[in-house]
Protein backbone atom coordinates (compact mmCIF):
# COMPACT_ATOMS: atom_id res chain seq x y z
CA MET A 1 90.89 124.16 133.83
CA PRO A 2 89.08 125.08 131.09
CA ASN A 3 91.32 127.50 128.27
CA GLN A 4 94.70 126.88 130.23
CA ILE A 5 96.82 128.03 127.50
CA GLN A 6 100.89 127.33 128.11
CA ALA A 7 103.96 125.91 125.66
CA GLY A 8 103.06 123.69 123.25
CA THR A 9 99.60 124.72 123.70
CA MET A 10 97.26 124.71 119.59
CA ILE A 11 94.78 126.53 118.76
CA VAL A 12 92.81 126.20 115.87
CA HIS A 13 90.01 128.14 113.79
CA GLN A 14 87.15 125.75 114.40
CA SER A 15 85.91 125.01 110.10
CA ALA A 16 84.05 121.79 108.84
CA ALA A 17 87.69 120.27 108.04
CA VAL A 18 89.06 120.53 111.27
CA ARG A 19 85.72 119.30 113.51
CA SER A 20 86.05 116.31 110.82
CA LEU A 21 89.05 115.25 112.77
CA ASN A 22 86.90 114.78 115.68
CA VAL A 23 89.60 116.28 118.46
CA GLU A 24 88.86 117.44 121.94
CA SER A 25 89.05 121.11 121.98
CA GLU A 26 87.79 124.09 124.31
CA PRO A 27 85.68 127.19 123.10
CA TYR A 28 88.84 129.97 123.25
CA PHE A 29 87.61 132.94 121.36
CA HIS A 30 85.22 133.09 118.86
CA GLN A 31 85.71 130.59 115.99
CA TRP A 32 88.97 129.73 117.52
CA SER A 33 89.39 126.78 119.99
CA SER A 34 92.22 125.67 122.05
CA LEU A 35 94.09 121.85 122.45
CA GLY A 36 96.24 120.80 125.43
CA PRO A 37 99.68 119.85 124.36
CA LEU A 38 98.63 116.31 124.33
CA GLU A 39 95.16 116.53 122.38
CA SER A 40 97.66 118.95 120.42
CA SER A 41 100.24 115.69 119.40
CA ARG A 42 96.90 113.41 118.57
CA LEU A 43 96.07 116.18 116.08
CA ASP A 44 99.03 115.67 113.97
CA GLN A 45 98.63 112.14 114.14
CA LYS A 46 94.84 112.41 112.78
CA VAL A 47 96.17 114.90 109.89
CA ARG A 48 98.74 112.15 108.62
CA ALA A 49 96.07 109.53 109.14
CA MET A 50 93.34 111.27 106.81
CA GLY A 51 96.57 112.42 104.64
CA TRP A 52 96.22 116.49 105.24
CA ASN A 53 99.07 118.00 106.49
CA LEU A 54 99.80 120.34 109.03
CA PHE A 55 102.09 122.85 107.89
CA PHE A 56 104.74 125.03 110.02
CA MET A 57 105.75 128.43 109.10
CA ALA A 58 109.07 129.07 110.46
CA GLY A 59 108.80 132.62 110.80
CA GLU A 60 107.73 133.20 114.73
CA ILE A 61 105.09 135.36 116.20
CA ARG A 62 105.32 137.06 119.55
CA ALA A 63 103.10 139.43 121.43
CA VAL A 64 104.64 141.48 124.76
CA VAL A 65 101.99 142.95 127.07
CA PRO A 66 101.86 144.23 130.49
CA ALA A 67 101.32 141.63 133.08
CA TRP A 68 99.00 144.17 135.78
CA GLY A 69 95.62 142.39 134.14
CA GLY A 70 95.87 139.51 135.81
CA HIS A 71 94.37 136.41 134.16
CA ASN A 72 93.20 138.31 130.93
CA THR A 73 96.66 139.36 130.21
CA LEU A 74 97.92 135.89 128.42
CA ARG A 75 94.70 136.51 126.66
CA ARG A 76 94.55 139.09 125.15
CA GLY A 77 98.42 138.50 124.16
CA VAL A 78 97.13 135.11 122.83
CA LYS A 79 94.54 137.21 120.67
CA ARG A 80 97.21 139.45 119.41
CA LEU A 81 98.74 135.93 118.01
CA LEU A 82 95.66 135.05 116.35
CA ALA A 83 95.09 138.33 114.74
CA GLN A 84 98.38 138.08 113.09
CA THR A 85 97.75 134.29 112.06
CA GLN A 86 94.46 135.27 110.71
CA LEU A 87 95.85 138.14 108.43
CA GLN A 88 97.76 135.41 106.54
CA ASN A 89 94.29 133.12 106.52
CA LEU A 90 95.83 131.05 108.66
CA ASN A 91 94.17 128.53 110.33
CA CYS A 92 96.37 126.81 113.34
CA LEU A 93 98.62 128.44 116.30
CA GLU A 94 100.95 126.79 117.71
CA VAL A 95 102.24 128.46 121.44
CA THR A 96 105.51 127.78 121.56
CA HIS A 97 106.42 130.06 125.05
CA ILE A 98 105.37 132.16 127.31
CA LEU A 99 107.79 134.60 129.75
CA ARG A 100 107.60 136.25 132.40
CA LYS A 101 109.39 139.81 132.66
CA TYR A 102 110.44 142.60 134.32
CA PHE A 103 111.53 146.07 132.66
CA LEU A 104 112.35 149.03 134.90
CA GLY A 105 110.19 146.92 137.18
CA ILE A 106 107.23 146.86 135.28
CA PRO A 107 105.83 143.46 134.78
CA TYR A 108 105.01 142.19 131.15
CA LEU A 109 104.34 139.10 129.32
CA SER A 110 106.21 137.85 126.53
CA ILE A 111 104.53 135.25 124.14
CA ALA A 112 105.78 133.26 121.65
CA ALA A 113 104.54 131.14 119.03
CA HIS A 114 104.23 129.32 115.12
CA ALA A 115 101.43 130.19 112.61
CA ARG A 116 100.51 126.64 111.74
CA HIS A 117 98.13 125.66 108.70
CA LEU A 118 96.11 122.38 108.26
CA GLN A 119 95.26 121.33 104.95
CA GLU A 120 94.57 118.57 102.89
CA GLY A 121 97.38 117.96 99.83
CA SER A 122 101.55 118.13 100.34
CA GLN A 123 101.96 121.75 98.97
CA ILE A 124 100.48 124.66 101.15
CA ARG A 125 97.88 127.21 99.33
CA SER A 126 98.42 130.71 98.30
CA ILE A 127 97.62 133.15 100.65
CA GLN A 128 94.80 134.08 98.45
CA GLN A 129 93.28 130.28 97.71
CA ARG A 130 93.43 129.88 101.39
CA ALA A 131 91.00 132.73 102.00
CA GLN A 132 88.85 131.33 99.43
CA ASP A 133 88.49 128.42 102.09
CA ALA A 134 88.50 130.79 104.79
CA VAL A 135 85.22 131.82 103.23
CA ALA A 136 83.81 128.92 101.76
CA GLY A 137 84.62 126.95 105.59
């Protein structure tokens, strides 16, 4: 099933650097592509083999969306997380958990993720440098 987002799914901004890794992905939203949990672990291996790093940002980001929108509910929540990731000029997002909950009988989804960043080198670039990289790539 295409674009089945679950815990462990990584969503990567498609750039020349990411395309050079030759990982299987499915288009998700604009220039973002999703990788399943198995392909996500392969991504980490390929990144290390090239001498690059896949940085893990410690702060968890969350989105809460009302769950009466059917299949699009999860997609709306993930789009919110991608927007938060893009504001920091980061190029990867790893979904950590998706929970269906109720508040006063109203269903909603709670989605949590960690922003990540794929780049060459052992030190993460500043937000300004990442913004320039995004424009150039």
